[in-house]
Amino acid sequence: MKITVLANKELLGKKAAAAGAQAMRQALASKERIAIIVATGASQFEMLDNLIREDIDWSRVTIFHLDEYIGLSDTHRASFRRYLQERVVDKLPALHQFVGVNGSAENSEQELARLGKLISQQDIEVCFAGIGENAHLAFNDPPADFTTTAPYLVVELDEDCRRQQLGEKWFDSLDEVPTRAISMSIHQIMLSRVLILSIPDARKAQAVKNALEGPVVNTVPASIIQHHPDCQVFLDNPSAALLSRQ
């Protein structure tokens, strides 16, 4: 695991995007097409803004995303499908394919099967992600399932996770925040050849310390990244503030 601390979230986003883009270009040098995973949320704004400006042949790239609320329309401002459509897909007209998680599908089990079939046909070169204030990875809240090999699963969202979504202004009240979501599994995330984590802001500092310096336990879901063979973590000064080593 490589940890890079930047002065602010703008530099963090630029460096994280550059590192991931370099891994993508290396993969495209030997493969006709590649697949990547991108995350959503406030922590990814700067990284995604830089990633879409990188010199990449997007016509050879398929994008998967990590998670989506169950029952939430893609017109809602908190919808991750909408987030990625507006921030990434619409700005990459040459993109080969975007595989969205349909949280408003009538049958969640059928949606899990659809997503699982599609992603199982791909080798994921790069996963761009972050971690939550409760150290979740995707929507795998503590205690996360470290054993399932299913690519996607239905998860229950804990109150800390839901309060984070409210605090980021995606919803107007806690009651509006859904309690269930479809999430990519820990196992599937860990299959990515390169893992790029963008984690800005002081509110993530305790989760960063627990994930990077504590034991690998499912009560700190993001701690699993300590076992990834090529994980690059990008922090800003506030999110790195509690680390004993920087």
Protein backbone atom coordinates (compact mmCIF):
# COMPACT_ATOMS: atom_id res chain seq x y z
CA MET A 1 0.00 0.00 0.00
CA LYS A 2 1.33 3.39 -1.05
CA ILE A 3 0.11 6.48 0.82
CA THR A 4 0.43 9.96 -0.67
CA VAL A 5 -0.52 13.05 1.34
CA LEU A 6 -1.27 16.26 -0.56
CA ALA A 7 -1.80 19.77 0.71
CA ASN A 8 -5.43 20.00 -0.36
CA LYS A 9 -8.23 18.10 -2.08
CA GLU A 10 -7.59 19.77 -5.43
CA LEU A 11 -4.05 18.38 -5.59
CA LEU A 12 -5.33 15.07 -4.24
CA GLY A 13 -7.83 14.76 -7.08
CA LYS A 14 -5.23 15.61 -9.70
CA LYS A 15 -2.65 13.12 -8.41
CA ALA A 16 -5.15 10.31 -7.91
CA ALA A 17 -6.60 10.75 -11.39
CA ALA A 18 -3.12 10.82 -12.93
CA ALA A 19 -2.10 7.61 -11.14
CA GLY A 20 -5.24 5.79 -12.23
CA ALA A 21 -5.02 7.10 -15.78
CA GLN A 22 -1.45 5.87 -16.06
CA ALA A 23 -2.56 2.38 -15.00
CA MET A 24 -5.34 2.52 -17.59
CA ARG A 25 -2.97 3.54 -20.38
CA GLN A 26 -0.60 0.72 -19.46
CA ALA A 27 -3.46 -1.76 -19.70
CA LEU A 28 -4.69 -0.31 -23.01
CA ALA A 29 -1.22 -0.75 -24.46
CA SER A 30 -1.71 -4.50 -24.41
CA LYS A 31 -5.50 -4.95 -24.47
CA GLU A 32 -8.15 -3.97 -26.99
CA ARG A 33 -10.61 -2.96 -24.28
CA ILE A 34 -10.51 -2.54 -20.52
CA ALA A 35 -12.97 -2.10 -17.67
CA ILE A 36 -12.73 0.18 -14.66
CA ILE A 37 -14.84 0.99 -11.60
CA VAL A 38 -15.63 4.52 -10.47
CA ALA A 39 -17.12 5.69 -7.19
CA THR A 40 -19.40 8.60 -6.38
CA GLY A 41 -19.93 10.97 -3.47
CA ALA A 42 -18.37 14.26 -2.44
CA SER A 43 -14.91 12.71 -2.03
CA GLN A 44 -14.68 11.97 -5.75
CA PHE A 45 -15.52 15.38 -7.22
CA GLU A 46 -11.96 16.57 -7.81
CA MET A 47 -10.63 13.19 -8.93
CA LEU A 48 -13.37 12.69 -11.53
CA ASP A 49 -13.02 16.25 -12.83
CA ASN A 50 -9.38 15.48 -13.56
CA LEU A 51 -9.88 11.91 -14.80
CA ILE A 52 -12.22 12.90 -17.63
CA ARG A 53 -9.53 15.29 -18.90
CA GLU A 54 -6.82 12.63 -19.03
CA ASP A 55 -5.49 11.44 -22.40
CA ILE A 56 -7.30 8.11 -22.58
CA ASP A 57 -9.00 6.34 -25.48
CA TRP A 58 -12.41 6.14 -23.81
CA SER A 59 -13.86 4.29 -26.79
CA ARG A 60 -12.07 1.22 -25.41
CA VAL A 61 -13.23 1.61 -21.81
CA THR A 62 -16.23 0.18 -19.94
CA ILE A 63 -17.17 1.83 -16.64
CA PHE A 64 -18.89 0.03 -13.78
CA HIS A 65 -19.96 1.80 -10.62
CA LEU A 66 -20.04 0.71 -7.04
CA ASP A 67 -23.51 1.13 -5.62
CA GLU A 68 -26.96 2.65 -5.75
CA TYR A 69 -29.84 3.16 -3.34
CA ILE A 70 -32.74 0.75 -3.70
CA GLY A 71 -35.96 2.46 -4.73
CA LEU A 72 -34.39 5.79 -5.65
CA SER A 73 -35.22 7.25 -9.05
CA ASP A 74 -32.33 8.23 -11.29
CA THR A 75 -33.84 11.72 -11.39
CA HIS A 76 -33.24 12.25 -7.65
CA ARG A 77 -30.24 14.47 -6.87
CA ALA A 78 -28.76 11.71 -4.67
CA SER A 79 -28.89 9.08 -7.40
CA PHE A 80 -25.42 7.77 -8.18
CA ARG A 81 -26.51 6.90 -11.71
CA ARG A 82 -27.45 10.54 -12.22
CA TYR A 83 -24.20 11.67 -10.57
CA LEU A 84 -22.08 9.62 -12.98
CA GLN A 85 -24.22 10.38 -16.00
CA GLU A 86 -23.80 14.12 -15.46
CA ARG A 87 -20.20 14.18 -14.20
CA VAL A 88 -18.65 11.46 -16.35
CA VAL A 89 -20.71 9.75 -19.05
CA ASP A 90 -22.17 12.88 -20.66
CA LYS A 91 -18.68 14.38 -20.78
CA LEU A 92 -17.17 11.34 -22.48
CA PRO A 93 -19.15 10.93 -25.72
CA ALA A 94 -16.70 8.33 -27.00
CA LEU A 95 -17.08 6.08 -23.93
CA HIS A 96 -17.55 2.45 -24.97
CA GLN A 97 -20.01 1.47 -22.23
CA PHE A 98 -21.39 2.52 -18.86
CA VAL A 99 -22.90 -0.23 -16.72
CA GLY A 100 -25.11 1.45 -14.15
CA VAL A 101 -26.65 -0.09 -11.06
CA ASN A 102 -30.42 0.20 -11.38
CA GLY A 103 -31.57 0.71 -7.82
CA SER A 104 -35.14 1.25 -8.94
CA ALA A 105 -35.37 -2.11 -10.71
CA GLU A 106 -38.57 -3.98 -9.87
CA ASN A 107 -36.61 -7.08 -8.85
CA SER A 108 -33.34 -6.52 -7.00
CA GLU A 109 -32.28 -10.14 -7.30
CA GLN A 110 -32.59 -9.97 -11.07
CA GLU A 111 -30.54 -6.78 -11.06
CA LEU A 112 -27.85 -8.51 -8.99
CA ALA A 113 -27.77 -11.33 -11.51
CA ARG A 114 -27.54 -8.91 -14.46
CA LEU A 115 -24.69 -6.96 -12.91
CA GLY A 116 -22.89 -10.10 -11.77
CA LYS A 117 -22.99 -11.60 -15.26
CA LEU A 118 -21.65 -8.44 -16.86
CA ILE A 119 -18.79 -7.81 -14.46
CA SER A 120 -17.77 -11.48 -14.36
CA GLN A 121 -16.94 -11.18 -18.05
CA GLN A 122 -14.38 -8.45 -17.34
CA ASP A 123 -10.98 -8.11 -15.71
CA ILE A 124 -11.13 -4.84 -13.79
CA GLU A 125 -7.94 -2.87 -14.35
CA VAL A 126 -8.55 0.08 -12.00
CA CYS A 127 -11.04 0.75 -9.24
CA PHE A 128 -11.39 4.40 -8.22
CA ALA A 129 -13.00 4.60 -4.80
CA GLY A 130 -13.09 6.31 -1.43
CA ILE A 131 -14.10 5.28 2.07
CA GLY A 132 -16.90 6.44 4.33
CA GLU A 133 -16.86 8.17 7.67
CA ASN A 134 -17.69 4.76 9.14
CA ALA A 135 -14.87 3.23 7.03
CA HIS A 136 -17.29 1.60 4.62
CA LEU A 137 -16.00 0.54 1.20
CA ALA A 138 -18.73 1.05 -1.38
CA PHE A 139 -21.90 0.57 0.70
CA ASN A 140 -20.40 -2.30 2.68
CA ASP A 141 -21.07 -0.87 6.13
CA PRO A 142 -19.66 -2.50 9.28
CA PRO A 143 -19.73 -5.37 9.88
CA ALA A 144 -18.97 -6.00 6.21
CA ASP A 145 -19.18 -9.39 4.55
CA PHE A 146 -15.58 -10.37 3.81
CA THR A 147 -16.52 -13.92 2.75
CA THR A 148 -19.11 -13.65 -0.02
CA THR A 149 -17.84 -14.03 -3.58
CA ALA A 150 -20.99 -12.55 -5.11
CA PRO A 151 -20.04 -9.53 -7.24
CA TYR A 152 -22.96 -7.43 -5.98
CA LEU A 153 -25.29 -7.76 -3.00
CA VAL A 154 -28.19 -6.06 -1.27
CA VAL A 155 -27.02 -4.31 1.90
CA GLU A 156 -28.61 -2.53 4.85
CA LEU A 157 -27.28 0.99 5.42
CA ASP A 158 -26.38 1.83 9.01
CA GLU A 159 -27.25 5.15 10.63
CA ASP A 160 -23.71 6.53 10.42
CA CYS A 161 -23.70 5.94 6.68
CA ARG A 162 -27.13 7.51 6.26
CA ARG A 163 -26.15 10.52 8.37
CA GLN A 164 -23.09 11.03 6.14
CA GLN A 165 -25.36 11.21 3.08
CA LEU A 166 -27.53 13.75 4.87
CA GLY A 167 -24.47 15.76 5.94
CA GLU A 168 -23.29 15.90 2.33
CA LYS A 169 -26.64 17.51 1.42
CA TRP A 170 -27.87 14.73 -0.85
CA PHE A 171 -31.11 14.59 1.18
CA ASP A 172 -33.16 17.07 3.20
CA SER A 173 -33.84 14.81 6.19
CA LEU A 174 -32.61 11.50 7.61
CA ASP A 175 -36.01 9.95 6.96
CA GLU A 176 -35.49 10.56 3.23
CA VAL A 177 -32.23 8.58 3.13
CA PRO A 178 -32.92 5.01 1.94
CA THR A 179 -32.10 2.16 4.28
CA ARG A 180 -31.10 -0.38 1.61
CA ALA A 181 -28.81 -0.35 -1.41
CA ILE A 182 -27.21 -2.55 -4.05
CA SER A 183 -23.46 -2.55 -3.48
CA MET A 184 -20.45 -4.08 -5.14
CA SER A 185 -18.98 -6.62 -2.75
CA ILE A 186 -15.66 -6.36 -0.96
CA HIS A 187 -14.49 -9.44 -2.86
CA GLN A 188 -15.25 -7.88 -6.26
CA ILE A 189 -13.53 -4.60 -5.36
CA MET A 190 -10.43 -6.47 -4.23
CA LEU A 191 -10.22 -8.25 -7.61
CA SER A 192 -9.29 -4.94 -9.26
CA ARG A 193 -5.69 -4.97 -10.47
CA VAL A 194 -5.08 -1.42 -9.18
CA LEU A 195 -7.02 0.25 -6.38
CA ILE A 196 -6.96 4.07 -6.26
CA LEU A 197 -8.48 5.58 -3.12
CA SER A 198 -9.24 9.31 -2.91
CA ILE A 199 -10.02 10.29 0.70
CA PRO A 200 -10.12 14.02 1.50
CA ASP A 201 -11.49 15.95 4.50
CA ALA A 202 -11.02 15.97 8.27
CA ARG A 203 -14.27 14.10 8.82
CA LYS A 204 -12.61 11.00 7.35
CA ALA A 205 -9.48 11.22 9.53
CA GLN A 206 -10.51 8.62 12.12
CA ALA A 207 -11.70 6.20 9.46
CA VAL A 208 -8.40 6.67 7.60
CA LYS A 209 -6.39 5.89 10.72
CA ASN A 210 -8.50 2.83 11.53
CA ALA A 211 -8.37 1.51 7.97
CA LEU A 212 -4.67 2.09 7.32
CA GLU A 213 -3.10 1.51 10.74
CA GLY A 214 -5.54 -0.75 12.57
CA PRO A 215 -6.14 -4.49 12.26
CA VAL A 216 -7.95 -5.92 9.23
CA VAL A 217 -11.43 -6.50 10.61
CA ASN A 218 -14.91 -6.40 9.11
CA THR A 219 -15.97 -3.76 11.63
CA VAL A 220 -13.60 -1.47 9.70
CA PRO A 221 -14.49 -2.57 6.16
CA ALA A 222 -11.86 -0.46 4.40
CA SER A 223 -9.10 -2.09 6.42
CA ILE A 224 -9.23 -4.92 3.85
CA ILE A 225 -7.25 -2.70 1.47
CA GLN A 226 -4.14 -3.55 3.50
CA HIS A 227 -4.26 -6.92 1.72
CA HIS A 228 -4.52 -5.49 -1.81
CA PRO A 229 -1.35 -6.02 -3.91
CA ASP A 230 -1.47 -2.58 -5.60
CA CYS A 231 -3.40 -0.06 -3.51
CA GLN A 232 -2.59 3.63 -3.80
CA VAL A 233 -4.17 5.90 -1.18
CA PHE A 234 -4.38 9.65 -1.74
CA LEU A 235 -5.09 11.87 1.28
CA ASP A 236 -5.10 15.58 2.01
CA ASN A 237 -3.60 17.05 5.16
CA PRO A 238 -6.90 17.04 7.09
CA SER A 239 -7.74 13.39 6.33
CA ALA A 240 -4.17 12.30 7.17
CA ALA A 241 -4.03 14.27 10.43
CA LEU A 242 -4.37 11.29 12.78
CA LEU A 243 -1.90 8.97 11.06
CA SER A 244 1.17 8.10 13.06
CA ARG A 245 3.18 7.87 9.85
CA GLN A 246 2.86 10.09 6.79
